[in-house]
Amino acid sequence: MDNTPIQILIIEDDPDFIFNLKKRLEASKDLRFEIDSTDTVSGGLKRLKQGGINVILLDLNVKDSKGLDTLKRIQPHACGVPIIALTGEYGESLGPEAVKLGAQDYFLKGEIEPQALVRSIRYSIDRTQIRSEE
């Protein structure tokens, strides 16, 4: 990847989580990020219409949507933008189910390792680009 910042859209309704996630991403030495966030699916859809997003970090439970329906509402509008699901539900199969439905990856919100997230973002973008070229 070149030095162009990766445009991330975070759809998450916990402002403290967003703050901490931004700080973790900004600490990355490998990649640069520009981050937009919204706390609802409807806000995410509005932002996606503007274009320019490289990856979506999607909490599956936000103010206006819950569970896999959140992913199902975003996917048709993502237009090839990879989605990484975030879930706070431990002991559930929500994350793996999201991957089965098309998310590139998933993370349990309390267990996000910054390096693993950055790697997942990079690989998700790369995989999506390769598929679009086929």
N, C-alpha and C. Protein backbone atom coordinates (compact mmCIF):
# COMPACT_ATOMS: atom_id res chain seq x y z
N MET A 1 0.85 -1.18 0.00
CA MET A 1 0.00 0.00 0.00
C MET A 1 0.89 1.24 0.00
N ASP A 2 0.39 2.28 -0.63
CA ASP A 2 1.15 3.53 -0.62
C ASP A 2 0.89 4.27 0.69
N ASN A 3 1.31 5.51 0.76
CA ASN A 3 1.21 6.28 1.99
C ASN A 3 -0.11 7.05 2.10
N THR A 4 -1.03 6.82 1.17
CA THR A 4 -2.34 7.47 1.22
C THR A 4 -3.09 6.99 2.45
N PRO A 5 -3.69 7.89 3.21
CA PRO A 5 -4.43 7.45 4.40
C PRO A 5 -5.61 6.54 4.03
N ILE A 6 -5.84 5.56 4.86
CA ILE A 6 -6.99 4.68 4.71
C ILE A 6 -8.19 5.37 5.36
N GLN A 7 -9.26 5.48 4.60
CA GLN A 7 -10.48 6.12 5.08
C GLN A 7 -11.35 5.07 5.78
N ILE A 8 -11.54 5.24 7.08
CA ILE A 8 -12.30 4.30 7.88
C ILE A 8 -13.61 4.95 8.32
N LEU A 9 -14.69 4.20 8.20
CA LEU A 9 -15.97 4.60 8.78
C LEU A 9 -16.25 3.67 9.94
N ILE A 10 -16.35 4.23 11.14
CA ILE A 10 -16.71 3.47 12.33
C ILE A 10 -18.19 3.72 12.61
N ILE A 11 -18.95 2.64 12.66
CA ILE A 11 -20.36 2.74 13.05
C ILE A 11 -20.46 2.09 14.42
N GLU A 12 -20.59 2.92 15.44
CA GLU A 12 -20.49 2.50 16.85
C GLU A 12 -21.16 3.56 17.71
N ASP A 13 -21.93 3.13 18.71
CA ASP A 13 -22.66 4.10 19.52
C ASP A 13 -22.06 4.36 20.91
N ASP A 14 -20.87 3.86 21.17
CA ASP A 14 -20.19 4.12 22.44
C ASP A 14 -19.04 5.10 22.19
N PRO A 15 -19.20 6.37 22.59
CA PRO A 15 -18.17 7.36 22.31
C PRO A 15 -16.81 7.04 22.93
N ASP A 16 -16.80 6.41 24.11
CA ASP A 16 -15.53 6.04 24.73
C ASP A 16 -14.81 4.97 23.91
N PHE A 17 -15.56 4.01 23.39
CA PHE A 17 -14.97 2.97 22.56
C PHE A 17 -14.39 3.59 21.29
N ILE A 18 -15.13 4.50 20.68
CA ILE A 18 -14.65 5.17 19.46
C ILE A 18 -13.35 5.93 19.76
N PHE A 19 -13.33 6.67 20.85
CA PHE A 19 -12.14 7.43 21.23
C PHE A 19 -10.94 6.51 21.37
N ASN A 20 -11.11 5.42 22.12
CA ASN A 20 -10.01 4.48 22.34
C ASN A 20 -9.58 3.79 21.05
N LEU A 21 -10.54 3.45 20.21
CA LEU A 21 -10.22 2.80 18.94
C LEU A 21 -9.42 3.75 18.04
N LYS A 22 -9.84 5.01 17.99
CA LYS A 22 -9.10 6.00 17.20
C LYS A 22 -7.66 6.14 17.69
N LYS A 23 -7.49 6.21 19.00
CA LYS A 23 -6.15 6.34 19.57
C LYS A 23 -5.28 5.14 19.20
N ARG A 24 -5.86 3.94 19.26
CA ARG A 24 -5.11 2.73 18.92
C ARG A 24 -4.71 2.74 17.44
N LEU A 25 -5.63 3.15 16.59
CA LEU A 25 -5.32 3.17 15.16
C LEU A 25 -4.29 4.25 14.83
N GLU A 26 -4.42 5.41 15.46
CA GLU A 26 -3.47 6.50 15.21
C GLU A 26 -2.06 6.14 15.65
N ALA A 27 -1.92 5.19 16.57
CA ALA A 27 -0.61 4.76 17.05
C ALA A 27 0.10 3.83 16.06
N SER A 28 -0.60 3.41 15.02
CA SER A 28 -0.01 2.49 14.04
C SER A 28 1.16 3.16 13.33
N LYS A 29 2.24 2.42 13.22
CA LYS A 29 3.41 2.93 12.52
C LYS A 29 3.40 2.53 11.06
N ASP A 30 2.57 1.54 10.72
CA ASP A 30 2.55 1.00 9.37
C ASP A 30 1.65 1.76 8.41
N LEU A 31 0.52 2.20 8.90
CA LEU A 31 -0.49 2.82 8.04
C LEU A 31 -0.98 4.12 8.65
N ARG A 32 -1.51 4.98 7.77
CA ARG A 32 -2.14 6.22 8.23
C ARG A 32 -3.65 6.08 8.00
N PHE A 33 -4.42 6.65 8.91
CA PHE A 33 -5.87 6.54 8.84
C PHE A 33 -6.53 7.90 8.94
N GLU A 34 -7.63 8.05 8.23
CA GLU A 34 -8.56 9.16 8.45
C GLU A 34 -9.87 8.49 8.84
N ILE A 35 -10.43 8.93 9.95
CA ILE A 35 -11.54 8.21 10.55
C ILE A 35 -12.77 9.10 10.67
N ASP A 36 -13.89 8.60 10.16
CA ASP A 36 -15.20 9.19 10.38
C ASP A 36 -15.97 8.22 11.26
N SER A 37 -16.88 8.74 12.05
CA SER A 37 -17.70 7.84 12.86
C SER A 37 -19.13 8.36 12.94
N THR A 38 -20.01 7.43 13.17
CA THR A 38 -21.42 7.72 13.36
C THR A 38 -21.97 6.70 14.34
N ASP A 39 -23.05 7.03 15.03
CA ASP A 39 -23.57 6.12 16.04
C ASP A 39 -24.81 5.35 15.60
N THR A 40 -25.16 5.45 14.32
CA THR A 40 -26.34 4.74 13.81
C THR A 40 -26.08 4.17 12.42
N VAL A 41 -26.85 3.17 12.07
CA VAL A 41 -26.79 2.63 10.71
C VAL A 41 -27.24 3.69 9.72
N SER A 42 -28.29 4.43 10.05
CA SER A 42 -28.77 5.46 9.12
C SER A 42 -27.70 6.51 8.87
N GLY A 43 -26.94 6.89 9.90
CA GLY A 43 -25.83 7.82 9.72
C GLY A 43 -24.72 7.21 8.87
N GLY A 44 -24.47 5.92 9.06
CA GLY A 44 -23.48 5.23 8.26
C GLY A 44 -23.86 5.18 6.79
N LEU A 45 -25.14 4.91 6.53
CA LEU A 45 -25.62 4.87 5.14
C LEU A 45 -25.48 6.24 4.48
N LYS A 46 -25.78 7.27 5.24
CA LYS A 46 -25.63 8.63 4.71
C LYS A 46 -24.18 8.92 4.37
N ARG A 47 -23.25 8.52 5.26
CA ARG A 47 -21.83 8.76 5.01
C ARG A 47 -21.32 7.94 3.83
N LEU A 48 -21.79 6.70 3.70
CA LEU A 48 -21.37 5.85 2.58
C LEU A 48 -21.76 6.46 1.23
N LYS A 49 -22.88 7.13 1.17
CA LYS A 49 -23.33 7.76 -0.08
C LYS A 49 -22.34 8.82 -0.55
N GLN A 50 -21.59 9.42 0.37
CA GLN A 50 -20.62 10.44 0.01
C GLN A 50 -19.38 9.83 -0.66
N GLY A 51 -19.15 8.53 -0.45
CA GLY A 51 -18.03 7.84 -1.07
C GLY A 51 -16.71 8.05 -0.33
N GLY A 52 -15.67 7.42 -0.86
CA GLY A 52 -14.33 7.59 -0.33
C GLY A 52 -13.95 6.73 0.85
N ILE A 53 -14.82 5.82 1.26
CA ILE A 53 -14.53 4.96 2.40
C ILE A 53 -13.80 3.71 1.91
N ASN A 54 -12.72 3.33 2.63
CA ASN A 54 -11.95 2.13 2.28
C ASN A 54 -12.34 0.91 3.10
N VAL A 55 -12.83 1.11 4.32
CA VAL A 55 -13.21 0.00 5.19
C VAL A 55 -14.21 0.50 6.24
N ILE A 56 -15.12 -0.40 6.62
CA ILE A 56 -16.13 -0.08 7.64
C ILE A 56 -15.87 -0.95 8.86
N LEU A 57 -15.78 -0.32 10.03
CA LEU A 57 -15.75 -1.04 11.31
C LEU A 57 -17.14 -0.92 11.89
N LEU A 58 -17.86 -2.03 11.93
CA LEU A 58 -19.29 -2.01 12.21
C LEU A 58 -19.62 -2.74 13.51
N ASP A 59 -20.05 -1.97 14.51
CA ASP A 59 -20.60 -2.59 15.72
C ASP A 59 -21.95 -3.18 15.34
N LEU A 60 -22.15 -4.43 15.67
CA LEU A 60 -23.39 -5.10 15.28
C LEU A 60 -24.59 -4.69 16.13
N ASN A 61 -24.34 -3.97 17.22
CA ASN A 61 -25.44 -3.48 18.06
C ASN A 61 -25.27 -1.98 18.27
N VAL A 62 -26.05 -1.20 17.51
CA VAL A 62 -26.03 0.25 17.64
C VAL A 62 -27.45 0.74 17.93
N LYS A 63 -27.59 2.04 18.07
CA LYS A 63 -28.87 2.62 18.50
C LYS A 63 -30.06 2.18 17.65
N ASP A 64 -29.87 2.11 16.33
CA ASP A 64 -31.00 1.84 15.45
C ASP A 64 -30.98 0.47 14.78
N SER A 65 -30.15 -0.45 15.29
CA SER A 65 -30.09 -1.78 14.69
C SER A 65 -29.39 -2.75 15.63
N LYS A 66 -29.81 -4.00 15.59
CA LYS A 66 -29.23 -5.02 16.47
C LYS A 66 -28.87 -6.28 15.71
N GLY A 67 -27.75 -6.87 16.10
CA GLY A 67 -27.35 -8.18 15.59
C GLY A 67 -27.01 -8.19 14.11
N LEU A 68 -27.25 -9.33 13.50
CA LEU A 68 -26.89 -9.51 12.09
C LEU A 68 -27.70 -8.62 11.16
N ASP A 69 -28.85 -8.13 11.62
CA ASP A 69 -29.62 -7.18 10.81
C ASP A 69 -28.81 -5.93 10.52
N THR A 70 -27.94 -5.56 11.44
CA THR A 70 -27.09 -4.39 11.24
C THR A 70 -26.21 -4.59 10.01
N LEU A 71 -25.57 -5.74 9.94
CA LEU A 71 -24.73 -6.07 8.78
C LEU A 71 -25.57 -6.14 7.51
N LYS A 72 -26.72 -6.76 7.60
CA LYS A 72 -27.60 -6.91 6.43
C LYS A 72 -28.09 -5.57 5.91
N ARG A 73 -28.23 -4.59 6.78
CA ARG A 73 -28.68 -3.26 6.35
C ARG A 73 -27.55 -2.49 5.67
N ILE A 74 -26.32 -2.69 6.13
CA ILE A 74 -25.18 -1.95 5.58
C ILE A 74 -24.69 -2.56 4.27
N GLN A 75 -24.63 -3.87 4.19
CA GLN A 75 -24.01 -4.55 3.05
C GLN A 75 -24.47 -4.08 1.68
N PRO A 76 -25.76 -3.96 1.43
CA PRO A 76 -26.18 -3.57 0.08
C PRO A 76 -25.69 -2.18 -0.35
N HIS A 77 -25.32 -1.37 0.62
CA HIS A 77 -24.90 0.00 0.35
C HIS A 77 -23.38 0.17 0.43
N ALA A 78 -22.69 -0.88 0.83
CA ALA A 78 -21.24 -0.79 1.01
C ALA A 78 -20.51 -0.77 -0.34
N CYS A 79 -21.13 -1.27 -1.38
CA CYS A 79 -20.57 -1.21 -2.74
C CYS A 79 -19.11 -1.65 -2.80
N GLY A 80 -18.83 -2.83 -2.27
CA GLY A 80 -17.48 -3.37 -2.34
C GLY A 80 -16.55 -2.91 -1.24
N VAL A 81 -17.02 -2.08 -0.33
CA VAL A 81 -16.19 -1.65 0.79
C VAL A 81 -16.21 -2.77 1.83
N PRO A 82 -15.02 -3.26 2.24
CA PRO A 82 -15.00 -4.35 3.21
C PRO A 82 -15.54 -3.91 4.56
N ILE A 83 -16.19 -4.86 5.23
CA ILE A 83 -16.78 -4.62 6.54
C ILE A 83 -16.11 -5.54 7.54
N ILE A 84 -15.67 -4.96 8.65
CA ILE A 84 -15.15 -5.73 9.78
C ILE A 84 -16.15 -5.54 10.92
N ALA A 85 -16.71 -6.66 11.37
CA ALA A 85 -17.74 -6.62 12.41
C ALA A 85 -17.10 -6.52 13.79
N LEU A 86 -17.74 -5.75 14.65
CA LEU A 86 -17.35 -5.63 16.05
C LEU A 86 -18.52 -6.08 16.90
N THR A 87 -18.26 -6.90 17.89
CA THR A 87 -19.33 -7.35 18.75
C THR A 87 -18.87 -7.41 20.19
N GLY A 88 -19.75 -7.08 21.08
CA GLY A 88 -19.47 -7.15 22.51
C GLY A 88 -20.09 -8.39 23.12
N GLU A 89 -20.71 -9.22 22.31
CA GLU A 89 -21.40 -10.41 22.81
C GLU A 89 -20.45 -11.59 22.86
N TYR A 90 -20.02 -11.93 24.07
CA TYR A 90 -19.10 -13.03 24.28
C TYR A 90 -19.87 -14.35 24.36
N GLY A 91 -19.23 -15.40 23.92
CA GLY A 91 -19.86 -16.71 23.99
C GLY A 91 -20.93 -16.90 22.95
N GLU A 92 -21.08 -15.97 22.07
CA GLU A 92 -22.07 -16.04 21.01
C GLU A 92 -21.38 -16.36 19.70
N SER A 93 -22.15 -16.77 18.74
CA SER A 93 -21.59 -17.03 17.41
C SER A 93 -21.83 -15.86 16.47
N LEU A 94 -22.13 -14.70 17.03
CA LEU A 94 -22.47 -13.54 16.21
C LEU A 94 -21.34 -13.15 15.27
N GLY A 95 -20.11 -13.11 15.75
CA GLY A 95 -18.97 -12.76 14.90
C GLY A 95 -18.78 -13.74 13.75
N PRO A 96 -18.68 -15.05 14.04
CA PRO A 96 -18.54 -16.02 12.95
C PRO A 96 -19.72 -15.99 11.98
N GLU A 97 -20.91 -15.76 12.48
CA GLU A 97 -22.09 -15.67 11.60
C GLU A 97 -21.97 -14.45 10.68
N ALA A 98 -21.44 -13.36 11.21
CA ALA A 98 -21.24 -12.16 10.39
C ALA A 98 -20.27 -12.45 9.25
N VAL A 99 -19.23 -13.21 9.53
CA VAL A 99 -18.27 -13.58 8.48
C VAL A 99 -18.95 -14.46 7.44
N LYS A 100 -19.79 -15.38 7.87
CA LYS A 100 -20.52 -16.24 6.92
C LYS A 100 -21.42 -15.41 6.01
N LEU A 101 -21.90 -14.28 6.53
CA LEU A 101 -22.79 -13.41 5.75
C LEU A 101 -22.03 -12.38 4.91
N GLY A 102 -20.68 -12.38 5.00
CA GLY A 102 -19.92 -11.50 4.11
C GLY A 102 -18.98 -10.52 4.77
N ALA A 103 -19.01 -10.41 6.09
CA ALA A 103 -18.01 -9.55 6.74
C ALA A 103 -16.63 -10.15 6.50
N GLN A 104 -15.62 -9.32 6.35
CA GLN A 104 -14.27 -9.81 6.12
C GLN A 104 -13.65 -10.41 7.37
N ASP A 105 -14.03 -9.91 8.53
CA ASP A 105 -13.44 -10.36 9.78
C ASP A 105 -14.36 -9.88 10.91
N TYR A 106 -14.06 -10.31 12.13
CA TYR A 106 -14.79 -9.80 13.29
C TYR A 106 -13.85 -9.74 14.48
N PHE A 107 -14.18 -8.87 15.42
CA PHE A 107 -13.43 -8.73 16.66
C PHE A 107 -14.41 -8.61 17.82
N LEU A 108 -14.06 -9.24 18.94
CA LEU A 108 -14.78 -9.00 20.18
C LEU A 108 -14.28 -7.66 20.72
N LYS A 109 -15.18 -6.77 21.03
CA LYS A 109 -14.80 -5.39 21.36
C LYS A 109 -13.84 -5.29 22.54
N GLY A 110 -13.94 -6.15 23.50
CA GLY A 110 -13.06 -6.09 24.66
C GLY A 110 -11.71 -6.74 24.44
N GLU A 111 -11.50 -7.32 23.27
CA GLU A 111 -10.27 -8.06 23.03
C GLU A 111 -9.54 -7.63 21.76
N ILE A 112 -9.70 -6.38 21.36
CA ILE A 112 -9.09 -5.91 20.12
C ILE A 112 -7.62 -5.57 20.36
N GLU A 113 -6.76 -6.31 19.69
CA GLU A 113 -5.33 -6.01 19.69
C GLU A 113 -5.08 -5.04 18.53
N PRO A 114 -4.49 -3.88 18.78
CA PRO A 114 -4.30 -2.90 17.71
C PRO A 114 -3.59 -3.46 16.47
N GLN A 115 -2.53 -4.24 16.66
CA GLN A 115 -1.81 -4.78 15.51
C GLN A 115 -2.67 -5.74 14.71
N ALA A 116 -3.47 -6.54 15.40
CA ALA A 116 -4.36 -7.48 14.70
C ALA A 116 -5.43 -6.72 13.91
N LEU A 117 -5.94 -5.64 14.49
CA LEU A 117 -6.94 -4.85 13.79
C LEU A 117 -6.35 -4.18 12.56
N VAL A 118 -5.17 -3.60 12.69
CA VAL A 118 -4.52 -2.95 11.54
C VAL A 118 -4.26 -3.99 10.44
N ARG A 119 -3.78 -5.17 10.83
CA ARG A 119 -3.54 -6.23 9.86
C ARG A 119 -4.85 -6.64 9.17
N SER A 120 -5.91 -6.77 9.94
CA SER A 120 -7.20 -7.14 9.38
C SER A 120 -7.71 -6.08 8.40
N ILE A 121 -7.52 -4.82 8.75
CA ILE A 121 -7.93 -3.73 7.86
C ILE A 121 -7.16 -3.83 6.55
N ARG A 122 -5.87 -3.98 6.64
CA ARG A 122 -5.02 -4.08 5.44
C ARG A 122 -5.43 -5.28 4.58
N TYR A 123 -5.57 -6.44 5.19
CA TYR A 123 -5.91 -7.64 4.43
C TYR A 123 -7.31 -7.57 3.84
N SER A 124 -8.23 -6.98 4.58
CA SER A 124 -9.61 -6.84 4.07
C SER A 124 -9.64 -5.98 2.82
N ILE A 125 -8.90 -4.89 2.84
CA ILE A 125 -8.84 -4.01 1.66
C ILE A 125 -8.16 -4.74 0.51
N ASP A 126 -7.04 -5.41 0.79
CA ASP A 126 -6.33 -6.15 -0.26
C ASP A 126 -7.20 -7.23 -0.89
N ARG A 127 -7.89 -8.02 -0.06
CA ARG A 127 -8.77 -9.09 -0.59
C ARG A 127 -9.88 -8.52 -1.46
N THR A 128 -10.44 -7.41 -1.02
CA THR A 128 -11.53 -6.79 -1.79
C THR A 128 -11.01 -6.28 -3.13
N GLN A 129 -9.82 -5.69 -3.15
CA GLN A 129 -9.24 -5.21 -4.40
C GLN A 129 -8.95 -6.37 -5.35
N ILE A 130 -8.41 -7.45 -4.83
CA ILE A 130 -8.11 -8.62 -5.66
C ILE A 130 -9.40 -9.19 -6.27
N ARG A 131 -10.44 -9.29 -5.48
CA ARG A 131 -11.72 -9.82 -5.98
C ARG A 131 -12.32 -8.91 -7.05
N SER A 132 -12.16 -7.61 -6.89
CA SER A 132 -12.74 -6.69 -7.88
C SER A 132 -11.98 -6.74 -9.21
N GLU A 133 -10.74 -7.17 -9.16
CA GLU A 133 -9.92 -7.26 -10.39
C GLU A 133 -10.14 -8.57 -11.13
N GLU A 134 -10.76 -9.55 -10.48
CA GLU A 134 -10.97 -10.86 -11.12
C GLU A 134 -12.08 -10.82 -12.14
